[in-house]
Amino acid sequence: MKAFVLAAGKGTRLRPFTDALPKPLMPVMNKPVMAHILGLCRKHGLDQVVANLHYKGEKISEYFGNGSQYQVSLGYSREEQLLGTAGGVRRQADFLAGGPFLVISGDVMTDLDLTALLQFHKQSGAVATMAVKEVGDPSRFGVVVSDSHGKVESFQEKPIRGTERSRWANTGIYVLEPEVFNYIPEATFFDFGNDLFPMLVAEGAPVFAMRTGAYWSDVGTLAQYLYTHWELLTHPEIVQRIGEGTVVEPGAVISDQALIGRHCTIEKGARVLGYSCVSDGCVIRAGSVVVDSVMWTSEQLGERLSGDLVRSIWGDGKHVCLGIPNL
């Protein structure tokens, strides 16, 4: 089975960090978010992958290369002009022909069981199947209305609070049959959520939604990016919280929930508290305090922090303080 990773977007809501770095390379838990997606694909046997590129696409292809580091065969589809989610996939119709294939965003964190999604798709006889997740605030998402068997009846895009007909959000993770290409125009901007799926449902085509309780987070905003780290850092299965070669000097304090990368230095008197994540090679100077923050660098030489970082994102010398009590 093959997979298409959506990696062409500009990630404007993650500025200023995406001014220099494409969103799929934004580090989550000290790895580019797209690296987590490739690992998930490989885990479920999807080892032939293509990603579409546009904004700073050369940085993505330079980083991931042919995908061998992640045990997948990775190719690229470069778009001179953005074609939308469905339009971008349409360009790779020849590659994706021959059977059902997966479409997944390169900027989400999830542990969704892709094997179960494929099985649901086959058993339902769907032409398109989407994974849907129940959310507390449907006004932030495109929601899906389906019957008791999962057949999609309608969609509602970011409904005003109190008007929602469903709390099941479209995760942007799909299994599709190649026949969907008959509905997608070539070389035209075309979207799955706004164009293709409503068209299929209107024509009575079998479009299904599989409900999931899996972890899923779209890291498309600064607040959600930070909050995603707080969620993931609660996971007890994180065995190694302090990376290889990291020096924690006597008198430094690191919380049990923090994650420290490799070859870092936490100097005497420095404190890394709460749900904080520090990437490889960073130095926290004596007396500095990091609280519920993410600190990273995409370069070989790590960042050096002198001062306090509270509920903030610090990356490649850029600093955004969010100060959010909760979401």
Protein backbone atom coordinates (compact mmCIF):
# COMPACT_ATOMS: atom_id res chain seq x y z
CA MET A 1 0.00 0.00 0.00
CA LYS A 2 1.20 3.49 -0.87
CA ALA A 3 0.93 6.78 1.00
CA PHE A 4 0.78 10.43 0.01
CA VAL A 5 2.04 12.95 2.58
CA LEU A 6 0.72 16.50 2.28
CA ALA A 7 3.74 18.74 2.86
CA ALA A 8 3.32 21.74 0.56
CA GLY A 9 1.64 24.32 2.81
CA LYS A 10 3.18 27.56 4.02
CA GLY A 11 2.34 27.17 7.71
CA THR A 12 1.62 30.87 8.15
CA ARG A 13 0.01 30.39 11.57
CA LEU A 14 3.35 29.10 12.88
CA ARG A 15 5.22 32.28 12.03
CA PRO A 16 7.83 33.52 12.79
CA PHE A 17 9.33 30.01 12.91
CA THR A 18 8.05 29.03 9.46
CA ASP A 19 9.57 32.15 7.91
CA ALA A 20 12.72 30.07 7.56
CA LEU A 21 11.56 26.51 8.21
CA PRO A 22 8.74 24.62 6.40
CA LYS A 23 6.07 23.33 8.73
CA PRO A 24 6.83 19.59 8.22
CA LEU A 25 10.31 20.26 9.66
CA MET A 26 9.00 21.91 12.82
CA PRO A 27 10.35 19.71 15.63
CA VAL A 28 7.90 17.94 17.91
CA MET A 29 9.45 15.96 20.75
CA ASN A 30 12.85 16.71 19.19
CA LYS A 31 12.04 15.24 15.76
CA PRO A 32 10.53 16.95 12.69
CA VAL A 33 6.78 16.38 12.75
CA MET A 34 6.93 14.71 9.32
CA ALA A 35 9.48 12.22 10.68
CA HIS A 36 6.80 10.98 13.08
CA ILE A 37 4.43 10.52 10.11
CA LEU A 38 6.97 8.52 8.10
CA GLY A 39 7.58 6.32 11.14
CA LEU A 40 3.85 5.71 11.49
CA CYS A 41 3.56 4.80 7.81
CA ARG A 42 6.43 2.33 8.06
CA LYS A 43 4.94 0.77 11.21
CA HIS A 44 1.81 -0.10 9.25
CA GLY A 45 3.57 -1.36 6.14
CA LEU A 46 3.22 1.73 3.96
CA ASP A 47 6.77 1.83 2.66
CA GLN A 48 6.18 3.55 -0.70
CA VAL A 49 5.57 7.23 0.01
CA VAL A 50 5.40 10.42 -2.02
CA ALA A 51 5.20 13.93 -0.52
CA ASN A 52 4.14 17.07 -2.32
CA LEU A 53 6.38 20.10 -1.95
CA HIS A 54 6.00 23.83 -2.53
CA TYR A 55 7.00 26.20 0.27
CA LYS A 56 10.71 25.73 1.01
CA GLY A 57 10.36 22.25 -0.40
CA GLU A 58 14.09 21.90 -1.00
CA LYS A 59 14.66 21.90 2.75
CA ILE A 60 12.24 18.99 3.16
CA SER A 61 13.83 16.92 0.38
CA GLU A 62 17.33 17.71 1.65
CA TYR A 63 16.43 16.56 5.15
CA PHE A 64 14.55 13.36 4.32
CA GLY A 65 16.32 12.39 1.10
CA ASN A 66 15.05 9.10 -0.30
CA GLY A 67 13.50 8.10 3.03
CA SER A 68 15.92 5.26 3.71
CA GLN A 69 16.61 6.55 7.23
CA TYR A 70 12.94 5.87 7.97
CA GLN A 71 12.86 2.58 6.07
CA VAL A 72 10.54 3.89 3.38
CA SER A 73 11.02 4.74 -0.28
CA LEU A 74 10.26 8.47 -0.43
CA GLY A 75 9.68 10.48 -3.60
CA TYR A 76 8.55 14.05 -4.15
CA SER A 77 5.95 15.90 -6.19
CA ARG A 78 6.97 19.53 -6.58
CA GLU A 79 4.17 22.03 -7.21
CA GLU A 80 5.10 25.34 -8.79
CA GLN A 81 1.66 26.59 -7.76
CA LEU A 82 -0.34 25.13 -4.90
CA LEU A 83 -3.04 22.78 -6.14
CA GLY A 84 -4.93 22.13 -2.92
CA THR A 85 -5.04 18.86 -1.02
CA ALA A 86 -6.90 16.86 -3.69
CA GLY A 87 -5.29 18.62 -6.64
CA GLY A 88 -1.84 17.84 -5.31
CA VAL A 89 -2.69 14.16 -4.92
CA ARG A 90 -4.20 14.10 -8.44
CA ARG A 91 -0.74 14.85 -9.90
CA GLN A 92 0.43 11.46 -8.62
CA ALA A 93 -2.48 9.44 -10.03
CA ASP A 94 -0.16 7.10 -11.94
CA PHE A 95 1.96 6.36 -8.87
CA LEU A 96 -1.09 5.79 -6.67
CA ALA A 97 -3.05 3.64 -9.14
CA GLY A 98 -3.59 -0.04 -8.51
CA GLY A 99 -5.36 -0.10 -5.18
CA PRO A 100 -6.36 1.87 -2.09
CA PHE A 101 -3.86 4.41 -0.82
CA LEU A 102 -3.41 6.61 2.24
CA VAL A 103 -3.40 10.41 2.36
CA ILE A 104 -2.08 12.02 5.54
CA SER A 105 -0.92 15.48 6.53
CA GLY A 106 2.77 15.97 7.20
CA ASP A 107 2.04 18.26 10.14
CA VAL A 108 -0.08 16.17 12.52
CA MET A 109 0.85 14.10 15.53
CA THR A 110 -1.13 10.89 15.80
CA ASP A 111 -0.89 7.24 16.76
CA LEU A 112 -3.88 6.29 14.62
CA ASP A 113 -4.05 2.60 13.69
CA LEU A 114 -3.66 2.90 9.92
CA THR A 115 -4.10 -0.85 9.51
CA ALA A 116 -7.51 -0.67 11.19
CA LEU A 117 -8.44 2.29 8.96
CA LEU A 118 -7.62 0.28 5.83
CA GLN A 119 -9.60 -2.72 7.10
CA PHE A 120 -12.63 -0.50 7.85
CA HIS A 121 -12.34 0.98 4.37
CA LYS A 122 -12.33 -2.41 2.67
CA GLN A 123 -15.15 -3.84 4.78
CA SER A 124 -17.41 -0.83 4.14
CA GLY A 125 -16.87 -0.91 0.38
CA ALA A 126 -16.05 2.79 0.45
CA VAL A 127 -14.54 4.85 -2.32
CA ALA A 128 -13.23 7.20 0.38
CA THR A 129 -12.82 6.71 4.11
CA MET A 130 -11.79 9.37 6.60
CA ALA A 131 -10.72 8.99 10.21
CA VAL A 132 -12.79 11.21 12.52
CA LYS A 133 -12.08 12.20 16.11
CA GLU A 134 -14.55 13.49 18.70
CA VAL A 135 -13.61 17.01 19.83
CA GLY A 136 -14.77 19.27 22.62
CA ASP A 137 -15.03 22.42 20.48
CA PRO A 138 -16.36 21.62 16.99
CA SER A 139 -16.19 25.31 15.99
CA ARG A 140 -12.46 24.88 15.35
CA PHE A 141 -12.88 22.03 12.86
CA GLY A 142 -14.68 20.67 9.86
CA VAL A 143 -17.10 18.13 11.33
CA VAL A 144 -18.63 15.05 9.76
CA VAL A 145 -22.21 13.79 10.10
CA SER A 146 -22.56 10.04 9.53
CA ASP A 147 -25.12 7.30 10.15
CA SER A 148 -24.78 4.37 12.56
CA HIS A 149 -22.70 2.43 10.02
CA GLY A 150 -20.32 5.31 9.41
CA LYS A 151 -21.66 6.36 6.00
CA VAL A 152 -21.18 10.10 5.64
CA GLU A 153 -24.36 12.10 5.22
CA SER A 154 -23.08 15.69 5.33
CA PHE A 155 -20.35 18.06 6.44
CA GLN A 156 -20.26 21.23 8.51
CA GLU A 157 -17.27 23.55 8.36
CA LYS A 158 -16.35 25.20 11.68
CA PRO A 159 -19.92 25.49 12.97
CA ILE A 160 -20.86 28.31 15.32
CA ARG A 161 -20.97 27.01 18.87
CA GLY A 162 -24.35 25.51 19.61
CA THR A 163 -25.18 24.88 15.93
CA GLU A 164 -22.98 21.83 15.41
CA ARG A 165 -24.65 18.70 14.05
CA SER A 166 -21.69 16.56 15.07
CA ARG A 167 -18.65 16.56 17.31
CA TRP A 168 -16.66 14.28 15.01
CA ALA A 169 -13.85 16.22 13.37
CA ASN A 170 -12.24 15.32 10.06
CA THR A 171 -8.61 14.49 10.92
CA GLY A 172 -7.35 14.86 7.34
CA ILE A 173 -6.33 11.19 7.25
CA TYR A 174 -7.93 9.26 4.39
CA VAL A 175 -7.91 5.95 2.56
CA LEU A 176 -9.00 6.43 -1.04
CA GLU A 177 -9.67 4.30 -4.09
CA PRO A 178 -8.01 5.38 -7.37
CA GLU A 179 -11.46 6.01 -8.88
CA VAL A 180 -11.60 9.30 -6.95
CA PHE A 181 -9.26 10.68 -9.61
CA ASN A 182 -12.24 10.65 -11.98
CA TYR A 183 -13.74 13.44 -9.88
CA ILE A 184 -10.62 15.61 -9.47
CA PRO A 185 -9.73 17.96 -12.36
CA GLU A 186 -6.13 18.01 -13.51
CA ALA A 187 -3.87 21.00 -12.85
CA THR A 188 -6.59 22.78 -10.87
CA PHE A 189 -6.78 23.87 -7.25
CA PHE A 190 -9.09 21.32 -5.63
CA ASP A 191 -9.62 20.44 -1.98
CA PHE A 192 -10.74 17.22 -0.30
CA GLY A 193 -12.89 18.78 2.42
CA ASN A 194 -14.40 21.65 0.46
CA ASP A 195 -14.68 20.12 -3.01
CA LEU A 196 -14.22 16.37 -3.46
CA PHE A 197 -16.00 14.85 -0.46
CA PRO A 198 -19.15 17.02 -0.68
CA MET A 199 -19.32 16.16 -4.40
CA LEU A 200 -19.03 12.44 -3.72
CA VAL A 201 -21.67 12.53 -0.98
CA ALA A 202 -24.04 14.57 -3.18
CA GLU A 203 -23.74 11.91 -5.90
CA GLY A 204 -24.43 9.12 -3.43
CA ALA A 205 -20.94 7.62 -3.60
CA PRO A 206 -19.94 5.48 -0.60
CA VAL A 207 -17.95 7.84 1.63
CA PHE A 208 -17.41 6.53 5.15
CA ALA A 209 -16.05 7.86 8.45
CA MET A 210 -14.21 5.66 10.94
CA ARG A 211 -14.45 6.96 14.48
CA THR A 212 -11.24 6.76 16.46
CA GLY A 213 -10.10 7.43 19.99
CA ALA A 214 -6.45 7.60 18.90
CA TYR A 215 -4.28 10.56 19.76
CA TRP A 216 -4.47 13.27 17.10
CA SER A 217 -3.25 16.84 17.11
CA ASP A 218 -2.88 19.29 14.26
CA VAL A 219 0.14 21.40 15.18
CA GLY A 220 -0.92 24.21 12.86
CA THR A 221 -0.95 27.05 15.42
CA LEU A 222 1.60 28.20 17.97
CA ALA A 223 -0.74 27.51 20.88
CA GLN A 224 -1.56 24.01 19.64
CA TYR A 225 2.12 23.33 18.94
CA LEU A 226 2.99 24.10 22.56
CA TYR A 227 -0.04 22.30 23.95
CA THR A 228 0.78 19.20 21.90
CA HIS A 229 4.12 18.97 23.68
CA TRP A 230 2.41 19.23 27.04
CA GLU A 231 0.11 16.36 26.09
CA LEU A 232 2.85 14.13 24.70
CA LEU A 233 5.18 14.72 27.63
CA THR A 234 2.61 13.15 29.95
CA HIS A 235 3.05 9.76 28.24
CA PRO A 236 4.62 7.29 30.68
CA GLU A 237 6.10 5.21 27.84
CA ILE A 238 8.85 7.78 27.29
CA VAL A 239 11.71 5.72 28.67
CA GLN A 240 14.68 8.02 28.15
CA ARG A 241 14.00 11.59 29.26
CA ILE A 242 17.64 12.75 29.09
CA GLY A 243 19.50 12.13 25.85
CA GLU A 244 22.85 10.51 25.24
CA GLY A 245 25.85 12.70 25.98
CA THR A 246 23.87 15.32 27.91
CA VAL A 247 25.60 16.82 30.93
CA VAL A 248 23.49 17.79 33.93
CA GLU A 249 25.77 19.66 36.30
CA PRO A 250 25.38 19.28 40.08
CA GLY A 251 22.80 21.73 41.36
CA ALA A 252 20.76 21.73 38.14
CA VAL A 253 17.08 20.72 38.40
CA ILE A 254 15.11 18.84 35.74
CA SER A 255 11.46 17.89 36.23
CA ASP A 256 10.29 14.32 35.75
CA GLN A 257 8.04 15.45 32.88
CA ALA A 258 10.72 17.24 30.86
CA LEU A 259 12.50 15.87 27.78
CA ILE A 260 16.13 16.82 27.14
CA GLY A 261 17.86 16.00 23.85
CA ARG A 262 21.34 14.64 23.21
CA HIS A 263 24.59 16.46 23.92
CA CYS A 264 22.94 19.26 25.90
CA THR A 265 24.40 21.01 28.93
CA ILE A 266 22.23 21.99 31.87
CA GLU A 267 24.51 24.16 33.97
CA LYS A 268 24.66 24.37 37.75
CA GLY A 269 21.66 26.27 39.13
CA ALA A 270 19.66 26.02 35.90
CA ARG A 271 16.14 24.64 36.16
CA VAL A 272 14.07 22.91 33.47
CA LEU A 273 10.61 22.61 34.98
CA GLY A 274 7.15 21.34 34.10
CA TYR A 275 6.38 20.03 30.62
CA SER A 276 9.45 21.38 28.84
CA CYS A 277 11.25 20.02 25.78
CA VAL A 278 14.85 20.96 24.93
CA SER A 279 16.38 19.78 21.66
CA ASP A 280 19.81 18.34 20.90
CA GLY A 281 22.89 20.44 21.59
CA CYS A 282 21.23 23.20 23.61
CA VAL A 283 22.85 24.84 26.64
CA ILE A 284 20.82 26.14 29.58
CA ARG A 285 23.08 28.59 31.38
CA ALA A 286 23.49 28.80 35.14
CA GLY A 287 20.53 30.48 36.82
CA SER A 288 18.25 30.16 33.79
CA VAL A 289 14.73 28.77 34.18
CA VAL A 290 12.69 26.94 31.52
CA VAL A 291 9.04 26.30 32.42
CA ASP A 292 6.47 24.51 30.20
CA SER A 293 8.38 25.60 27.11
CA VAL A 294 9.84 24.19 23.92
CA MET A 295 13.41 25.10 22.93
CA TRP A 296 14.96 23.87 19.71
CA THR A 297 17.38 24.49 16.92
CA SER A 298 17.44 23.20 13.36
CA GLU A 299 21.15 23.87 13.04
CA GLN A 300 24.12 21.78 14.09
CA LEU A 301 25.08 24.17 16.88
CA GLY A 302 22.53 24.29 19.67
CA GLU A 303 20.92 27.34 21.23
CA ARG A 304 22.26 28.89 24.43
CA LEU A 305 19.73 30.27 26.86
CA SER A 306 20.57 32.85 29.49
CA GLY A 307 17.42 33.97 31.28
CA ASP A 308 13.90 32.68 31.75
CA LEU A 309 11.62 30.90 29.27
CA VAL A 310 8.05 30.51 30.52
CA ARG A 311 5.27 28.95 28.44
CA SER A 312 7.18 29.90 25.35
CA ILE A 313 8.58 28.58 22.10
CA TRP A 314 12.23 29.32 21.37
CA GLY A 315 13.54 28.15 18.03
CA ASP A 316 16.54 29.18 15.96
CA GLY A 317 16.91 32.39 17.96
CA LYS A 318 13.23 33.37 17.67
CA HIS A 319 11.12 33.63 20.83
CA VAL A 320 7.35 33.68 21.21
CA CYS A 321 5.85 33.84 24.70
CA LEU A 322 2.27 32.51 24.74
CA GLY A 323 1.53 32.60 28.46
CA ILE A 324 -1.62 30.56 27.96
CA PRO A 325 -3.08 29.04 31.14
CA ASN A 326 -4.88 26.33 29.15
CA LEU A 327 -6.67 25.67 25.86
